[in-house]
PDB file of N, CA and C in Angstrom:
ATOM      1  N   MET A   1      51.311 121.990  85.785  1.00  0.00           N
ATOM      2  CA  MET A   1      51.424 121.141  84.421  1.00  0.00           C
ATOM      3  C   MET A   1      49.643 120.927  84.219  1.00  0.00           C
ATOM      4  N   PRO A   2      49.679 120.934  83.114  1.00  0.00           N
ATOM      5  CA  PRO A   2      48.184 120.675  82.477  1.00  0.00           C
ATOM      6  C   PRO A   2      48.066 119.297  82.408  1.00  0.00           C
ATOM      7  N   HIS A   3      46.608 119.227  82.439  1.00  0.00           N
ATOM      8  CA  HIS A   3      46.068 117.625  82.212  1.00  0.00           C
ATOM      9  C   HIS A   3      45.987 117.118  81.064  1.00  0.00           C
ATOM     10  N   CYS A   4      45.852 118.214  79.965  1.00  0.00           N
ATOM     11  CA  CYS A   4      45.770 117.596  78.512  1.00  0.00           C
ATOM     12  C   CYS A   4      46.174 118.810  77.650  1.00  0.00           C
ATOM     13  N   LEU A   5      46.806 118.539  76.799  1.00  0.00           N
ATOM     14  CA  LEU A   5      47.167 119.106  75.620  1.00  0.00           C
ATOM     15  C   LEU A   5      46.768 118.949  74.235  1.00  0.00           C
ATOM     16  N   ILE A   6      45.920 120.096  73.766  1.00  0.00           N
ATOM     17  CA  ILE A   6      45.370 120.008  72.690  1.00  0.00           C
ATOM     18  C   ILE A   6      46.347 120.641  71.410  1.00  0.00           C
ATOM     19  N   GLY A   7      46.443 119.903  70.380  1.00  0.00           N
ATOM     20  CA  GLY A   7      47.420 120.458  69.462  1.00  0.00           C
ATOM     21  C   GLY A   7      46.720 120.241  68.031  1.00  0.00           C
ATOM     22  N   ASP A   8      47.511 120.745  66.866  1.00  0.00           N
ATOM     23  CA  ASP A   8      47.096 120.135  65.493  1.00  0.00           C
ATOM     24  C   ASP A   8      47.540 118.979  65.079  1.00  0.00           C
ATOM     25  N   ARG A   9      47.446 118.680  63.860  1.00  0.00           N
ATOM     26  CA  ARG A   9      47.750 117.368  63.308  1.00  0.00           C
ATOM     27  C   ARG A   9      49.704 117.076  63.464  1.00  0.00           C
ATOM     28  N   ALA A  10      50.128 118.275  63.513  1.00  0.00           N
ATOM     29  CA  ALA A  10      51.665 118.114  63.522  1.00  0.00           C
ATOM     30  C   ALA A  10      52.195 117.435  64.863  1.00  0.00           C
ATOM     31  N   TYR A  11      51.202 117.493  65.913  1.00  0.00           N
ATOM     32  CA  TYR A  11      51.575 116.924  67.141  1.00  0.00           C
ATOM     33  C   TYR A  11      51.197 115.570  67.444  1.00  0.00           C
ATOM     34  N   ASP A  12      50.846 114.900  66.068  1.00  0.00           N
ATOM     35  CA  ASP A  12      50.556 113.401  66.131  1.00  0.00           C
ATOM     36  C   ASP A  12      51.729 112.598  65.874  1.00  0.00           C
ATOM     37  N   SER A  13      52.371 112.540  66.979  1.00  0.00           N
ATOM     38  CA  SER A  13      53.930 111.782  67.086  1.00  0.00           C
ATOM     39  C   SER A  13      53.772 110.431  68.350  1.00  0.00           C
ATOM     40  N   ASP A  14      54.257 109.463  68.013  1.00  0.00           N
ATOM     41  CA  ASP A  14      54.210 108.419  69.028  1.00  0.00           C
ATOM     42  C   ASP A  14      54.962 108.687  70.205  1.00  0.00           C
ATOM     43  N   PRO A  15      56.333 109.168  69.840  1.00  0.00           N
ATOM     44  CA  PRO A  15      57.452 109.372  70.755  1.00  0.00           C
ATOM     45  C   PRO A  15      56.933 110.779  71.955  1.00  0.00           C
ATOM     46  N   LEU A  16      56.388 111.636  71.310  1.00  0.00           N
ATOM     47  CA  LEU A  16      55.666 112.794  71.983  1.00  0.00           C
ATOM     48  C   LEU A  16      54.750 112.275  72.961  1.00  0.00           C
ATOM     49  N   ASP A  17      53.550 111.650  72.379  1.00  0.00           N
ATOM     50  CA  ASP A  17      52.524 111.314  73.055  1.00  0.00           C
ATOM     51  C   ASP A  17      53.189 110.274  74.190  1.00  0.00           C
ATOM     52  N   GLU A  18      54.179 109.470  74.172  1.00  0.00           N
ATOM     53  CA  GLU A  18      54.813 108.655  75.460  1.00  0.00           C
ATOM     54  C   GLU A  18      55.242 109.504  76.429  1.00  0.00           C
ATOM     55  N   LYS A  19      55.744 110.285  76.097  1.00  0.00           N
ATOM     56  CA  LYS A  19      56.612 111.551  76.876  1.00  0.00           C
ATOM     57  C   LYS A  19      55.533 112.359  77.703  1.00  0.00           C
ATOM     58  N   LEU A  20      54.704 112.548  77.151  1.00  0.00           N
ATOM     59  CA  LEU A  20      53.814 113.290  77.749  1.00  0.00           C
ATOM     60  C   LEU A  20      52.785 112.467  78.702  1.00  0.00           C
ATOM     61  N   ARG A  21      52.537 111.328  78.292  1.00  0.00           N
ATOM     62  CA  ARG A  21      51.876 110.002  79.192  1.00  0.00           C
ATOM     63  C   ARG A  21      52.694 109.958  80.443  1.00  0.00           C
ATOM     64  N   GLU A  22      54.119 110.046  80.477  1.00  0.00           N
ATOM     65  CA  GLU A  22      54.952 109.835  81.556  1.00  0.00           C
ATOM     66  C   GLU A  22      54.867 110.975  82.445  1.00  0.00           C
ATOM     67  N   LYS A  23      54.501 112.009  81.766  1.00  0.00           N
ATOM     68  CA  LYS A  23      54.532 113.354  82.910  1.00  0.00           C
ATOM     69  C   LYS A  23      52.761 113.534  83.230  1.00  0.00           C
ATOM     70  N   GLY A  24      52.036 112.499  82.765  1.00  0.00           N
ATOM     71  CA  GLY A  24      50.475 112.607  83.155  1.00  0.00           C
ATOM     72  C   GLY A  24      49.715 113.699  82.526  1.00  0.00           C
ATOM     73  N   VAL A  25      50.432 113.955  81.164  1.00  0.00           N
ATOM     74  CA  VAL A  25      49.611 114.879  80.485  1.00  0.00           C
ATOM     75  C   VAL A  25      48.911 114.125  79.517  1.00  0.00           C
ATOM     76  N   GLU A  26      47.738 114.298  78.853  1.00  0.00           N
ATOM     77  CA  GLU A  26      46.957 113.562  77.808  1.00  0.00           C
ATOM     78  C   GLU A  26      46.970 114.440  76.397  1.00  0.00           C
ATOM     79  N   LEU A  27      47.536 113.756  75.308  1.00  0.00           N
ATOM     80  CA  LEU A  27      47.548 114.640  74.232  1.00  0.00           C
ATOM     81  C   LEU A  27      46.404 114.539  73.458  1.00  0.00           C
ATOM     82  N   ILE A  28      45.733 115.357  73.029  1.00  0.00           N
ATOM     83  CA  ILE A  28      44.518 115.244  72.029  1.00  0.00           C
ATOM     84  C   ILE A  28      44.943 116.265  70.714  1.00  0.00           C
ATOM     85  N   ALA A  29      45.174 115.692  69.705  1.00  0.00           N
ATOM     86  CA  ALA A  29      45.315 115.980  68.337  1.00  0.00           C
ATOM     87  C   ALA A  29      44.783 114.790  67.393  1.00  0.00           C
ATOM     88  N   PRO A  30      44.403 115.507  66.364  1.00  0.00           N
ATOM     89  CA  PRO A  30      43.785 114.492  65.097  1.00  0.00           C
ATOM     90  C   PRO A  30      44.990 113.930  64.510  1.00  0.00           C
ATOM     91  N   HIS A  31      44.856 112.564  63.959  1.00  0.00           N
ATOM     92  CA  HIS A  31      45.673 111.867  63.332  1.00  0.00           C
ATOM     93  C   HIS A  31      46.040 112.482  61.854  1.00  0.00           C
ATOM     94  N   ARG A  32      47.367 112.416  61.690  1.00  0.00           N
ATOM     95  CA  ARG A  32      47.690 112.761  60.253  1.00  0.00           C
ATOM     96  C   ARG A  32      47.001 111.582  59.122  1.00  0.00           C
ATOM     97  N   LYS A  33      46.957 112.367  58.152  1.00  0.00           N
ATOM     98  CA  LYS A  33      46.516 111.118  57.013  1.00  0.00           C
ATOM     99  C   LYS A  33      47.243 110.191  56.799  1.00  0.00           C
ATOM    100  N   ASN A  34      48.505 110.326  56.912  1.00  0.00           N
ATOM    101  CA  ASN A  34      49.630 109.367  56.433  1.00  0.00           C
ATOM    102  C   ASN A  34      50.146 108.237  57.435  1.00  0.00           C
ATOM    103  N   ARG A  35      49.298 108.195  58.540  1.00  0.00           N
ATOM    104  CA  ARG A  35      49.866 107.592  59.760  1.00  0.00           C
ATOM    105  C   ARG A  35      49.907 106.066  59.410  1.00  0.00           C
ATOM    106  N   VAL A  36      50.751 105.250  59.815  1.00  0.00           N
ATOM    107  CA  VAL A  36      51.124 104.082  59.298  1.00  0.00           C
ATOM    108  C   VAL A  36      50.751 103.128  60.872  1.00  0.00           C
ATOM    109  N   LYS A  37      51.109 103.333  61.853  1.00  0.00           N
ATOM    110  CA  LYS A  37      50.925 102.690  62.860  1.00  0.00           C
ATOM    111  C   LYS A  37      49.069 102.925  63.453  1.00  0.00           C
ATOM    112  N   LYS A  38      48.660 101.878  64.332  1.00  0.00           N
ATOM    113  CA  LYS A  38      47.310 101.956  64.749  1.00  0.00           C
ATOM    114  C   LYS A  38      46.938 103.244  65.305  1.00  0.00           C
ATOM    115  N   LYS A  39      45.751 103.699  65.268  1.00  0.00           N
ATOM    116  CA  LYS A  39      45.334 105.158  65.746  1.00  0.00           C
ATOM    117  C   LYS A  39      45.273 104.829  67.104  1.00  0.00           C
ATOM    118  N   THR A  40      45.773 106.189  68.054  1.00  0.00           N
ATOM    119  CA  THR A  40      45.736 106.144  69.342  1.00  0.00           C
ATOM    120  C   THR A  40      44.508 106.816  70.050  1.00  0.00           C
ATOM    121  N   GLN A  41      43.572 107.410  69.186  1.00  0.00           N
ATOM    122  CA  GLN A  41      42.512 108.148  69.967  1.00  0.00           C
ATOM    123  C   GLN A  41      41.110 107.909  69.020  1.00  0.00           C
ATOM    124  N   ASP A  42      40.074 108.065  69.920  1.00  0.00           N
ATOM    125  CA  ASP A  42      38.863 107.866  69.128  1.00  0.00           C
ATOM    126  C   ASP A  42      38.375 109.300  68.836  1.00  0.00           C
ATOM    127  N   GLY A  43      37.101 109.128  68.207  1.00  0.00           N
ATOM    128  CA  GLY A  43      36.561 110.636  67.808  1.00  0.00           C
ATOM    129  C   GLY A  43      36.068 111.350  69.047  1.00  0.00           C
ATOM    130  N   ARG A  44      35.632 110.759  70.058  1.00  0.00           N
ATOM    131  CA  ARG A  44      35.174 111.612  71.316  1.00  0.00           C
ATOM    132  C   ARG A  44      36.176 112.583  72.134  1.00  0.00           C
ATOM    133  N   LYS A  45      37.460 111.973  72.153  1.00  0.00           N
ATOM    134  CA  LYS A  45      38.252 113.115  72.433  1.00  0.00           C
ATOM    135  C   LYS A  45      38.570 114.230  71.646  1.00  0.00           C
ATOM    136  N   LEU A  46      38.423 113.818  70.318  1.00  0.00           N
ATOM    137  CA  LEU A  46      38.837 114.833  69.443  1.00  0.00           C
ATOM    138  C   LEU A  46      37.591 116.062  69.356  1.00  0.00           C
ATOM    139  N   ARG A  47      36.417 115.950  70.104  1.00  0.00           N
ATOM    140  CA  ARG A  47      35.511 116.863  70.008  1.00  0.00           C
ATOM    141  C   ARG A  47      36.235 118.159  70.456  1.00  0.00           C
ATOM    142  N   ARG A  48      37.164 118.267  71.951  1.00  0.00           N
ATOM    143  CA  ARG A  48      37.894 118.911  72.286  1.00  0.00           C
ATOM    144  C   ARG A  48      38.680 119.865  71.530  1.00  0.00           C
ATOM    145  N   TYR A  49      39.270 119.001  70.634  1.00  0.00           N
ATOM    146  CA  TYR A  49      39.873 119.866  69.483  1.00  0.00           C
ATOM    147  C   TYR A  49      39.304 120.954  68.683  1.00  0.00           C
ATOM    148  N   LYS A  50      38.281 120.401  68.436  1.00  0.00           N
ATOM    149  CA  LYS A  50      36.930 120.916  67.279  1.00  0.00           C
ATOM    150  C   LYS A  50      36.718 122.372  68.018  1.00  0.00           C
ATOM    151  N   LYS A  51      36.569 122.202  69.450  1.00  0.00           N
ATOM    152  CA  LYS A  51      35.895 123.325  70.261  1.00  0.00           C
ATOM    153  C   LYS A  51      37.153 124.330  70.492  1.00  0.00           C
ATOM    154  N   ARG A  52      38.376 124.055  70.304  1.00  0.00           N
ATOM    155  CA  ARG A  52      39.825 124.945  70.685  1.00  0.00           C
ATOM    156  C   ARG A  52      39.753 126.094  70.137  1.00  0.00           C
TER     157      ARG A  52
END
């Protein structure tokens, strides 16, 4: 099982993030522009997304 999953904006889903955390996988994906809830990631981890 991978340690982290790098995805695009479509992967920005709180239920998906929770399921992956339960399995020990870190989700790295930029937030959608219309996100209502509080952001779950900071810019440091998104550097990996830019390098994908």
